[in-house]
Amino acid sequence: MLEHQSWLTWLQESALSAAMRQWAWLYPIVETWHIISFAILVGAIAMFDLRLLGFSRHLLVTDMAGHLLPWTYISFGSALLTGFLLFASEAEALAANPAFRLKLGAIALAGMNAAAFHLYYSKSIQRWNRRVRVPVGVRAIAIFSLLLWAVTIVCGRLIAYI
């Protein structure tokens, strides 16, 4: 635990953390960029999940994936970078915040959920690509994804209040 605490202390005392706290516009700019990145990420994921749940069956799942997946990668990377900068500004307090921990847990579960989709169902997409009912397992993954991202958003908002 001591090493964990010293890493958090080092990060919170770093020049990066000091800049995030001291420059009047830096924190609000980074936070705004984090929210925009997260909105794009969750929006792209939600559109894909809704397609998997049966909305817009006339659209090919593979076309939606091809269009939306790059947006998820770019926006996730941006949200990760800006999230780290925000974390650096108050590392010790955030590490102890239950809403922050739950947010990270929900993101980790969402990543595992997405990996399960790609591992178990991506090879069979051609069988249910358009105008065919999506397999029950895929629909379950889509519902779980939407739930996890909703939890992530709620926890992100709660961080300031807990």
N, C-alpha and C. Protein backbone atom coordinates (compact mmCIF):
# COMPACT_ATOMS: atom_id res chain seq x y z
N MET A 1 0.82 -1.19 0.00
CA MET A 1 0.00 0.00 0.00
C MET A 1 0.87 1.26 0.00
N LEU A 2 2.02 1.18 0.65
CA LEU A 2 2.90 2.34 0.73
C LEU A 2 3.36 2.78 -0.66
N GLU A 3 3.71 1.79 -1.52
CA GLU A 3 4.13 2.15 -2.86
C GLU A 3 2.99 2.80 -3.63
N HIS A 4 1.78 2.28 -3.45
CA HIS A 4 0.60 2.86 -4.11
C HIS A 4 0.41 4.30 -3.66
N GLN A 5 0.49 4.54 -2.38
CA GLN A 5 0.31 5.89 -1.85
C GLN A 5 1.44 6.81 -2.34
N SER A 6 2.66 6.31 -2.39
CA SER A 6 3.75 7.18 -2.82
C SER A 6 3.62 7.54 -4.30
N TRP A 7 3.12 6.62 -5.12
CA TRP A 7 2.89 6.92 -6.53
C TRP A 7 1.84 8.00 -6.67
N LEU A 8 0.74 7.89 -5.92
CA LEU A 8 -0.31 8.91 -5.96
C LEU A 8 0.21 10.25 -5.46
N THR A 9 0.99 10.22 -4.40
CA THR A 9 1.56 11.46 -3.86
C THR A 9 2.50 12.09 -4.88
N TRP A 10 3.35 11.25 -5.50
CA TRP A 10 4.27 11.77 -6.52
C TRP A 10 3.49 12.43 -7.66
N LEU A 11 2.43 11.74 -8.14
CA LEU A 11 1.65 12.29 -9.24
C LEU A 11 0.99 13.60 -8.84
N GLN A 12 0.42 13.64 -7.64
CA GLN A 12 -0.28 14.85 -7.21
C GLN A 12 0.68 16.01 -6.97
N GLU A 13 1.94 15.72 -6.69
CA GLU A 13 2.93 16.77 -6.46
C GLU A 13 3.73 17.09 -7.73
N SER A 14 3.39 16.46 -8.83
CA SER A 14 4.14 16.66 -10.07
C SER A 14 3.83 18.02 -10.70
N ALA A 15 4.68 18.42 -11.63
CA ALA A 15 4.47 19.68 -12.36
C ALA A 15 3.17 19.63 -13.16
N LEU A 16 2.85 18.47 -13.69
CA LEU A 16 1.61 18.30 -14.44
C LEU A 16 0.40 18.59 -13.55
N SER A 17 0.40 18.01 -12.37
CA SER A 17 -0.70 18.23 -11.43
C SER A 17 -0.78 19.70 -11.01
N ALA A 18 0.36 20.29 -10.75
CA ALA A 18 0.38 21.70 -10.36
C ALA A 18 -0.17 22.57 -11.49
N ALA A 19 0.20 22.28 -12.72
CA ALA A 19 -0.30 23.05 -13.85
C ALA A 19 -1.82 22.91 -13.97
N MET A 20 -2.32 21.69 -13.79
CA MET A 20 -3.76 21.47 -13.87
C MET A 20 -4.52 22.27 -12.80
N ARG A 21 -3.92 22.41 -11.65
CA ARG A 21 -4.58 23.14 -10.56
C ARG A 21 -4.37 24.66 -10.64
N GLN A 22 -3.25 25.10 -11.18
CA GLN A 22 -2.90 26.51 -11.09
C GLN A 22 -3.27 27.34 -12.31
N TRP A 23 -3.24 26.79 -13.49
CA TRP A 23 -3.59 27.56 -14.69
C TRP A 23 -5.10 27.69 -14.75
N ALA A 24 -5.56 28.89 -14.73
CA ALA A 24 -7.01 29.15 -14.59
C ALA A 24 -7.87 28.44 -15.63
N TRP A 25 -7.40 28.36 -16.86
CA TRP A 25 -8.22 27.79 -17.93
C TRP A 25 -7.90 26.35 -18.27
N LEU A 26 -6.80 25.83 -17.76
CA LEU A 26 -6.37 24.49 -18.17
C LEU A 26 -7.35 23.41 -17.71
N TYR A 27 -7.71 23.40 -16.44
CA TYR A 27 -8.62 22.37 -15.94
C TYR A 27 -9.97 22.42 -16.67
N PRO A 28 -10.61 23.59 -16.80
CA PRO A 28 -11.90 23.61 -17.51
C PRO A 28 -11.79 23.19 -18.98
N ILE A 29 -10.69 23.52 -19.64
CA ILE A 29 -10.51 23.12 -21.04
C ILE A 29 -10.36 21.60 -21.12
N VAL A 30 -9.52 21.03 -20.26
CA VAL A 30 -9.32 19.58 -20.27
C VAL A 30 -10.61 18.86 -19.89
N GLU A 31 -11.32 19.37 -18.91
CA GLU A 31 -12.58 18.75 -18.50
C GLU A 31 -13.61 18.80 -19.63
N THR A 32 -13.70 19.92 -20.31
CA THR A 32 -14.62 20.06 -21.45
C THR A 32 -14.25 19.07 -22.55
N TRP A 33 -12.96 18.97 -22.85
CA TRP A 33 -12.51 18.03 -23.88
C TRP A 33 -12.82 16.59 -23.46
N HIS A 34 -12.68 16.30 -22.16
CA HIS A 34 -12.99 14.96 -21.64
C HIS A 34 -14.47 14.65 -21.86
N ILE A 35 -15.32 15.60 -21.57
CA ILE A 35 -16.76 15.39 -21.73
C ILE A 35 -17.13 15.23 -23.21
N ILE A 36 -16.55 16.03 -24.07
CA ILE A 36 -16.81 15.90 -25.51
C ILE A 36 -16.34 14.53 -26.01
N SER A 37 -15.14 14.14 -25.60
CA SER A 37 -14.61 12.83 -26.00
C SER A 37 -15.52 11.72 -25.53
N PHE A 38 -15.98 11.83 -24.30
CA PHE A 38 -16.84 10.79 -23.74
C PHE A 38 -18.19 10.77 -24.43
N ALA A 39 -18.70 11.94 -24.79
CA ALA A 39 -19.98 12.00 -25.50
C ALA A 39 -19.88 11.31 -26.86
N ILE A 40 -18.79 11.54 -27.57
CA ILE A 40 -18.59 10.89 -28.87
C ILE A 40 -18.45 9.38 -28.67
N LEU A 41 -17.66 8.98 -27.68
CA LEU A 41 -17.46 7.56 -27.39
C LEU A 41 -18.77 6.86 -27.08
N VAL A 42 -19.50 7.38 -26.12
CA VAL A 42 -20.75 6.74 -25.71
C VAL A 42 -21.80 6.84 -26.81
N GLY A 43 -21.82 7.92 -27.54
CA GLY A 43 -22.75 8.04 -28.65
C GLY A 43 -22.51 6.99 -29.72
N ALA A 44 -21.26 6.80 -30.09
CA ALA A 44 -20.93 5.79 -31.10
C ALA A 44 -21.26 4.39 -30.61
N ILE A 45 -20.93 4.11 -29.37
CA ILE A 45 -21.22 2.79 -28.80
C ILE A 45 -22.73 2.58 -28.70
N ALA A 46 -23.45 3.60 -28.27
CA ALA A 46 -24.91 3.47 -28.15
C ALA A 46 -25.55 3.22 -29.50
N MET A 47 -25.10 3.90 -30.54
CA MET A 47 -25.66 3.68 -31.88
C MET A 47 -25.44 2.24 -32.32
N PHE A 48 -24.25 1.71 -32.08
CA PHE A 48 -23.96 0.33 -32.46
C PHE A 48 -24.79 -0.64 -31.62
N ASP A 49 -24.85 -0.40 -30.32
CA ASP A 49 -25.64 -1.28 -29.44
C ASP A 49 -27.12 -1.27 -29.81
N LEU A 50 -27.64 -0.11 -30.15
CA LEU A 50 -29.05 -0.04 -30.56
C LEU A 50 -29.28 -0.82 -31.85
N ARG A 51 -28.31 -0.78 -32.76
CA ARG A 51 -28.43 -1.59 -33.98
C ARG A 51 -28.45 -3.07 -33.62
N LEU A 52 -27.60 -3.46 -32.68
CA LEU A 52 -27.57 -4.87 -32.25
C LEU A 52 -28.87 -5.28 -31.58
N LEU A 53 -29.56 -4.32 -30.98
CA LEU A 53 -30.84 -4.62 -30.33
C LEU A 53 -32.01 -4.65 -31.32
N GLY A 54 -31.73 -4.38 -32.58
CA GLY A 54 -32.78 -4.52 -33.60
C GLY A 54 -33.25 -3.24 -34.24
N PHE A 55 -32.75 -2.11 -33.81
CA PHE A 55 -33.12 -0.86 -34.45
C PHE A 55 -32.38 -0.73 -35.78
N SER A 56 -33.02 -0.14 -36.76
CA SER A 56 -32.42 0.10 -38.08
C SER A 56 -31.86 -1.18 -38.69
N ARG A 57 -32.66 -2.22 -38.71
CA ARG A 57 -32.22 -3.51 -39.25
C ARG A 57 -31.84 -3.45 -40.72
N HIS A 58 -32.27 -2.41 -41.41
CA HIS A 58 -31.91 -2.28 -42.83
C HIS A 58 -30.43 -1.91 -43.00
N LEU A 59 -29.80 -1.45 -41.95
CA LEU A 59 -28.38 -1.10 -42.01
C LEU A 59 -27.52 -2.32 -41.70
N LEU A 60 -26.47 -2.49 -42.45
CA LEU A 60 -25.55 -3.60 -42.20
C LEU A 60 -24.79 -3.37 -40.89
N VAL A 61 -24.72 -4.38 -40.07
CA VAL A 61 -23.95 -4.30 -38.83
C VAL A 61 -22.49 -4.02 -39.16
N THR A 62 -21.99 -4.67 -40.19
CA THR A 62 -20.58 -4.48 -40.57
C THR A 62 -20.31 -3.05 -41.04
N ASP A 63 -21.26 -2.44 -41.74
CA ASP A 63 -21.09 -1.04 -42.15
C ASP A 63 -21.07 -0.12 -40.94
N MET A 64 -21.98 -0.37 -40.01
CA MET A 64 -22.02 0.46 -38.80
C MET A 64 -20.73 0.31 -38.01
N ALA A 65 -20.26 -0.93 -37.88
CA ALA A 65 -19.01 -1.16 -37.16
C ALA A 65 -17.85 -0.45 -37.85
N GLY A 66 -17.80 -0.55 -39.16
CA GLY A 66 -16.73 0.10 -39.91
C GLY A 66 -16.74 1.61 -39.77
N HIS A 67 -17.93 2.19 -39.65
CA HIS A 67 -18.04 3.64 -39.50
C HIS A 67 -17.81 4.08 -38.05
N LEU A 68 -18.37 3.35 -37.10
CA LEU A 68 -18.35 3.78 -35.70
C LEU A 68 -17.10 3.37 -34.93
N LEU A 69 -16.50 2.24 -35.27
CA LEU A 69 -15.34 1.77 -34.52
C LEU A 69 -14.18 2.76 -34.50
N PRO A 70 -13.82 3.38 -35.63
CA PRO A 70 -12.74 4.38 -35.55
C PRO A 70 -13.08 5.53 -34.59
N TRP A 71 -14.35 5.96 -34.57
CA TRP A 71 -14.76 7.01 -33.64
C TRP A 71 -14.59 6.55 -32.19
N THR A 72 -14.89 5.29 -31.92
CA THR A 72 -14.74 4.81 -30.54
C THR A 72 -13.27 4.76 -30.14
N TYR A 73 -12.40 4.32 -31.04
CA TYR A 73 -10.97 4.26 -30.71
C TYR A 73 -10.40 5.65 -30.46
N ILE A 74 -10.70 6.58 -31.35
CA ILE A 74 -10.16 7.94 -31.21
C ILE A 74 -10.71 8.61 -29.96
N SER A 75 -12.01 8.53 -29.76
CA SER A 75 -12.60 9.20 -28.60
C SER A 75 -12.22 8.53 -27.30
N PHE A 76 -12.04 7.20 -27.30
CA PHE A 76 -11.59 6.53 -26.08
C PHE A 76 -10.18 6.98 -25.72
N GLY A 77 -9.30 7.05 -26.72
CA GLY A 77 -7.94 7.53 -26.47
C GLY A 77 -7.93 8.95 -25.93
N SER A 78 -8.76 9.79 -26.51
CA SER A 78 -8.85 11.18 -26.05
C SER A 78 -9.42 11.26 -24.63
N ALA A 79 -10.45 10.49 -24.35
CA ALA A 79 -11.04 10.47 -23.01
C ALA A 79 -10.05 9.92 -21.99
N LEU A 80 -9.26 8.93 -22.39
CA LEU A 80 -8.26 8.35 -21.50
C LEU A 80 -7.18 9.38 -21.16
N LEU A 81 -6.70 10.07 -22.18
CA LEU A 81 -5.66 11.09 -21.96
C LEU A 81 -6.18 12.23 -21.08
N THR A 82 -7.34 12.77 -21.43
CA THR A 82 -7.88 13.88 -20.63
C THR A 82 -8.28 13.40 -19.24
N GLY A 83 -8.76 12.18 -19.14
CA GLY A 83 -9.09 11.63 -17.82
C GLY A 83 -7.86 11.51 -16.93
N PHE A 84 -6.74 11.10 -17.53
CA PHE A 84 -5.50 11.03 -16.76
C PHE A 84 -5.08 12.41 -16.28
N LEU A 85 -5.20 13.41 -17.14
CA LEU A 85 -4.84 14.77 -16.73
C LEU A 85 -5.73 15.25 -15.59
N LEU A 86 -7.03 14.97 -15.67
CA LEU A 86 -7.93 15.35 -14.59
C LEU A 86 -7.60 14.59 -13.30
N PHE A 87 -7.29 13.32 -13.45
CA PHE A 87 -6.92 12.50 -12.29
C PHE A 87 -5.65 13.05 -11.63
N ALA A 88 -4.68 13.45 -12.44
CA ALA A 88 -3.41 13.95 -11.91
C ALA A 88 -3.61 15.15 -11.00
N SER A 89 -4.62 15.95 -11.27
CA SER A 89 -4.82 17.17 -10.48
C SER A 89 -5.21 16.89 -9.04
N GLU A 90 -5.87 15.77 -8.79
CA GLU A 90 -6.30 15.41 -7.43
C GLU A 90 -6.22 13.89 -7.25
N ALA A 91 -5.06 13.33 -7.53
CA ALA A 91 -4.91 11.88 -7.58
C ALA A 91 -5.32 11.18 -6.28
N GLU A 92 -4.86 11.67 -5.16
CA GLU A 92 -5.14 10.98 -3.89
C GLU A 92 -6.63 11.00 -3.55
N ALA A 93 -7.27 12.15 -3.73
CA ALA A 93 -8.70 12.25 -3.42
C ALA A 93 -9.53 11.41 -4.38
N LEU A 94 -9.19 11.45 -5.66
CA LEU A 94 -9.95 10.67 -6.64
C LEU A 94 -9.76 9.17 -6.43
N ALA A 95 -8.56 8.74 -6.10
CA ALA A 95 -8.30 7.32 -5.89
C ALA A 95 -9.14 6.77 -4.73
N ALA A 96 -9.48 7.62 -3.80
CA ALA A 96 -10.29 7.19 -2.65
C ALA A 96 -11.79 7.38 -2.88
N ASN A 97 -12.17 8.02 -3.97
CA ASN A 97 -13.58 8.33 -4.22
C ASN A 97 -14.32 7.09 -4.75
N PRO A 98 -15.38 6.64 -4.05
CA PRO A 98 -16.10 5.44 -4.50
C PRO A 98 -16.74 5.60 -5.88
N ALA A 99 -17.21 6.78 -6.22
CA ALA A 99 -17.82 7.00 -7.54
C ALA A 99 -16.76 6.86 -8.63
N PHE A 100 -15.56 7.37 -8.38
CA PHE A 100 -14.47 7.25 -9.34
C PHE A 100 -14.08 5.78 -9.53
N ARG A 101 -13.98 5.06 -8.43
CA ARG A 101 -13.64 3.64 -8.51
C ARG A 101 -14.70 2.85 -9.26
N LEU A 102 -15.96 3.15 -8.99
CA LEU A 102 -17.04 2.47 -9.70
C LEU A 102 -17.01 2.82 -11.19
N LYS A 103 -16.70 4.08 -11.51
CA LYS A 103 -16.59 4.49 -12.91
C LYS A 103 -15.51 3.68 -13.62
N LEU A 104 -14.34 3.56 -13.00
CA LEU A 104 -13.26 2.78 -13.61
C LEU A 104 -13.65 1.32 -13.75
N GLY A 105 -14.35 0.78 -12.74
CA GLY A 105 -14.80 -0.61 -12.81
C GLY A 105 -15.79 -0.82 -13.94
N ALA A 106 -16.71 0.12 -14.11
CA ALA A 106 -17.70 0.01 -15.19
C ALA A 106 -17.01 0.09 -16.56
N ILE A 107 -16.02 0.95 -16.69
CA ILE A 107 -15.28 1.05 -17.96
C ILE A 107 -14.52 -0.25 -18.24
N ALA A 108 -13.91 -0.81 -17.20
CA ALA A 108 -13.20 -2.09 -17.37
C ALA A 108 -14.16 -3.20 -17.79
N LEU A 109 -15.32 -3.26 -17.14
CA LEU A 109 -16.32 -4.27 -17.52
C LEU A 109 -16.83 -4.04 -18.93
N ALA A 110 -17.01 -2.78 -19.31
CA ALA A 110 -17.45 -2.47 -20.68
C ALA A 110 -16.41 -2.93 -21.70
N GLY A 111 -15.15 -2.77 -21.37
CA GLY A 111 -14.09 -3.25 -22.25
C GLY A 111 -14.11 -4.77 -22.38
N MET A 112 -14.31 -5.46 -21.26
CA MET A 112 -14.41 -6.92 -21.31
C MET A 112 -15.65 -7.37 -22.07
N ASN A 113 -16.72 -6.64 -21.92
CA ASN A 113 -17.96 -6.93 -22.63
C ASN A 113 -17.75 -6.78 -24.14
N ALA A 114 -17.07 -5.72 -24.55
CA ALA A 114 -16.78 -5.51 -25.97
C ALA A 114 -15.84 -6.61 -26.48
N ALA A 115 -14.87 -6.99 -25.66
CA ALA A 115 -13.96 -8.06 -26.06
C ALA A 115 -14.72 -9.37 -26.25
N ALA A 116 -15.69 -9.63 -25.37
CA ALA A 116 -16.51 -10.84 -25.50
C ALA A 116 -17.28 -10.82 -26.82
N PHE A 117 -17.82 -9.66 -27.17
CA PHE A 117 -18.53 -9.55 -28.46
C PHE A 117 -17.60 -9.91 -29.61
N HIS A 118 -16.42 -9.30 -29.62
CA HIS A 118 -15.48 -9.54 -30.73
C HIS A 118 -14.96 -10.97 -30.72
N LEU A 119 -14.75 -11.54 -29.55
CA LEU A 119 -14.22 -12.89 -29.45
C LEU A 119 -15.24 -13.95 -29.86
N TYR A 120 -16.49 -13.78 -29.41
CA TYR A 120 -17.49 -14.83 -29.62
C TYR A 120 -18.44 -14.61 -30.79
N TYR A 121 -18.65 -13.38 -31.21
CA TYR A 121 -19.69 -13.13 -32.20
C TYR A 121 -19.22 -12.47 -33.50
N SER A 122 -18.06 -11.89 -33.53
CA SER A 122 -17.64 -11.15 -34.73
C SER A 122 -17.50 -12.06 -35.96
N LYS A 123 -17.16 -13.30 -35.75
CA LYS A 123 -16.97 -14.21 -36.89
C LYS A 123 -18.31 -14.62 -37.53
N SER A 124 -19.40 -14.47 -36.77
CA SER A 124 -20.70 -14.90 -37.29
C SER A 124 -21.57 -13.74 -37.78
N ILE A 125 -21.03 -12.55 -37.83
CA ILE A 125 -21.82 -11.36 -38.19
C ILE A 125 -22.50 -11.52 -39.55
N GLN A 126 -21.85 -12.13 -40.49
CA GLN A 126 -22.42 -12.25 -41.84
C GLN A 126 -23.77 -12.98 -41.82
N ARG A 127 -24.00 -13.84 -40.85
CA ARG A 127 -25.27 -14.58 -40.77
C ARG A 127 -26.42 -13.70 -40.26
N TRP A 128 -26.11 -12.64 -39.53
CA TRP A 128 -27.16 -11.76 -38.99
C TRP A 128 -26.86 -10.29 -39.26
N ASN A 129 -26.23 -10.04 -40.37
CA ASN A 129 -25.75 -8.71 -40.72
C ASN A 129 -26.88 -7.72 -41.03
N ARG A 130 -27.96 -8.19 -41.69
CA ARG A 130 -29.03 -7.27 -42.05
C ARG A 130 -30.36 -8.02 -42.09
N ARG A 131 -31.39 -7.35 -41.58
CA ARG A 131 -32.77 -7.83 -41.63
C ARG A 131 -32.98 -9.21 -41.00
N VAL A 132 -32.08 -9.59 -40.11
CA VAL A 132 -32.20 -10.86 -39.39
C VAL A 132 -32.08 -10.54 -37.90
N ARG A 133 -32.86 -11.26 -37.12
CA ARG A 133 -32.80 -11.05 -35.67
C ARG A 133 -31.41 -11.41 -35.16
N VAL A 134 -30.85 -10.53 -34.37
CA VAL A 134 -29.52 -10.71 -33.82
C VAL A 134 -29.57 -11.80 -32.74
N PRO A 135 -28.54 -12.64 -32.61
CA PRO A 135 -28.54 -13.68 -31.57
C PRO A 135 -28.75 -13.11 -30.17
N VAL A 136 -29.36 -13.91 -29.32
CA VAL A 136 -29.68 -13.49 -27.95
C VAL A 136 -28.42 -13.04 -27.20
N GLY A 137 -27.33 -13.76 -27.37
CA GLY A 137 -26.08 -13.39 -26.69
C GLY A 137 -25.59 -12.01 -27.09
N VAL A 138 -25.74 -11.68 -28.35
CA VAL A 138 -25.33 -10.36 -28.85
C VAL A 138 -26.23 -9.28 -28.25
N ARG A 139 -27.52 -9.56 -28.21
CA ARG A 139 -28.44 -8.59 -27.61
C ARG A 139 -28.13 -8.39 -26.12
N ALA A 140 -27.79 -9.46 -25.43
CA ALA A 140 -27.43 -9.35 -24.01
C ALA A 140 -26.18 -8.49 -23.84
N ILE A 141 -25.22 -8.69 -24.70
CA ILE A 141 -23.99 -7.88 -24.66
C ILE A 141 -24.33 -6.41 -24.91
N ALA A 142 -25.22 -6.13 -25.86
CA ALA A 142 -25.60 -4.75 -26.17
C ALA A 142 -26.31 -4.10 -24.98
N ILE A 143 -27.20 -4.82 -24.34
CA ILE A 143 -27.91 -4.28 -23.17
C ILE A 143 -26.92 -4.01 -22.04
N PHE A 144 -26.03 -4.96 -21.79
CA PHE A 144 -25.03 -4.80 -20.73
C PHE A 144 -24.12 -3.61 -21.04
N SER A 145 -23.76 -3.43 -22.29
CA SER A 145 -22.93 -2.30 -22.70
C SER A 145 -23.63 -0.97 -22.40
N LEU A 146 -24.87 -0.87 -22.82
CA LEU A 146 -25.63 0.37 -22.57
C LEU A 146 -25.74 0.65 -21.07
N LEU A 147 -25.97 -0.39 -20.29
CA LEU A 147 -26.06 -0.23 -18.84
C LEU A 147 -24.73 0.22 -18.25
N LEU A 148 -23.64 -0.41 -18.67
CA LEU A 148 -22.32 -0.05 -18.13
C LEU A 148 -21.93 1.38 -18.48
N TRP A 149 -22.23 1.81 -19.70
CA TRP A 149 -21.88 3.19 -20.08
C TRP A 149 -22.78 4.19 -19.36
N ALA A 150 -24.01 3.82 -19.08
CA ALA A 150 -24.88 4.70 -18.28
C ALA A 150 -24.33 4.82 -16.86
N VAL A 151 -23.89 3.72 -16.29
CA VAL A 151 -23.28 3.75 -14.94
C VAL A 151 -22.04 4.62 -14.97
N THR A 152 -21.24 4.50 -16.01
CA THR A 152 -20.02 5.30 -16.14
C THR A 152 -20.34 6.79 -16.16
N ILE A 153 -21.35 7.16 -16.92
CA ILE A 153 -21.74 8.58 -17.00
C ILE A 153 -22.23 9.08 -15.64
N VAL A 154 -23.09 8.31 -15.00
CA VAL A 154 -23.64 8.72 -13.70
C VAL A 154 -22.51 8.85 -12.68
N CYS A 155 -21.63 7.88 -12.65
CA CYS A 155 -20.51 7.95 -11.70
C CYS A 155 -19.60 9.13 -11.99
N GLY A 156 -19.38 9.42 -13.26
CA GLY A 156 -18.56 10.58 -13.62
C GLY A 156 -19.14 11.86 -13.06
N ARG A 157 -20.45 11.97 -13.10
CA ARG A 157 -21.12 13.16 -12.54
C ARG A 157 -21.05 13.16 -11.02
N LEU A 158 -21.15 11.99 -10.41
CA LEU A 158 -21.17 11.89 -8.95
C LEU A 158 -19.81 12.14 -8.30
N ILE A 159 -18.75 12.02 -9.06
CA ILE A 159 -17.40 12.19 -8.49
C ILE A 159 -17.28 13.51 -7.72
N ALA A 160 -17.83 14.56 -8.26
CA ALA A 160 -17.72 15.88 -7.62
C ALA A 160 -18.54 15.99 -6.34
N TYR A 161 -19.47 15.07 -6.14
CA TYR A 161 -20.40 15.20 -5.01
C TYR A 161 -20.16 14.18 -3.91
N ILE A 162 -19.26 13.25 -4.12
CA ILE A 162 -19.01 12.21 -3.10
C ILE A 162 -17.64 12.42 -2.49
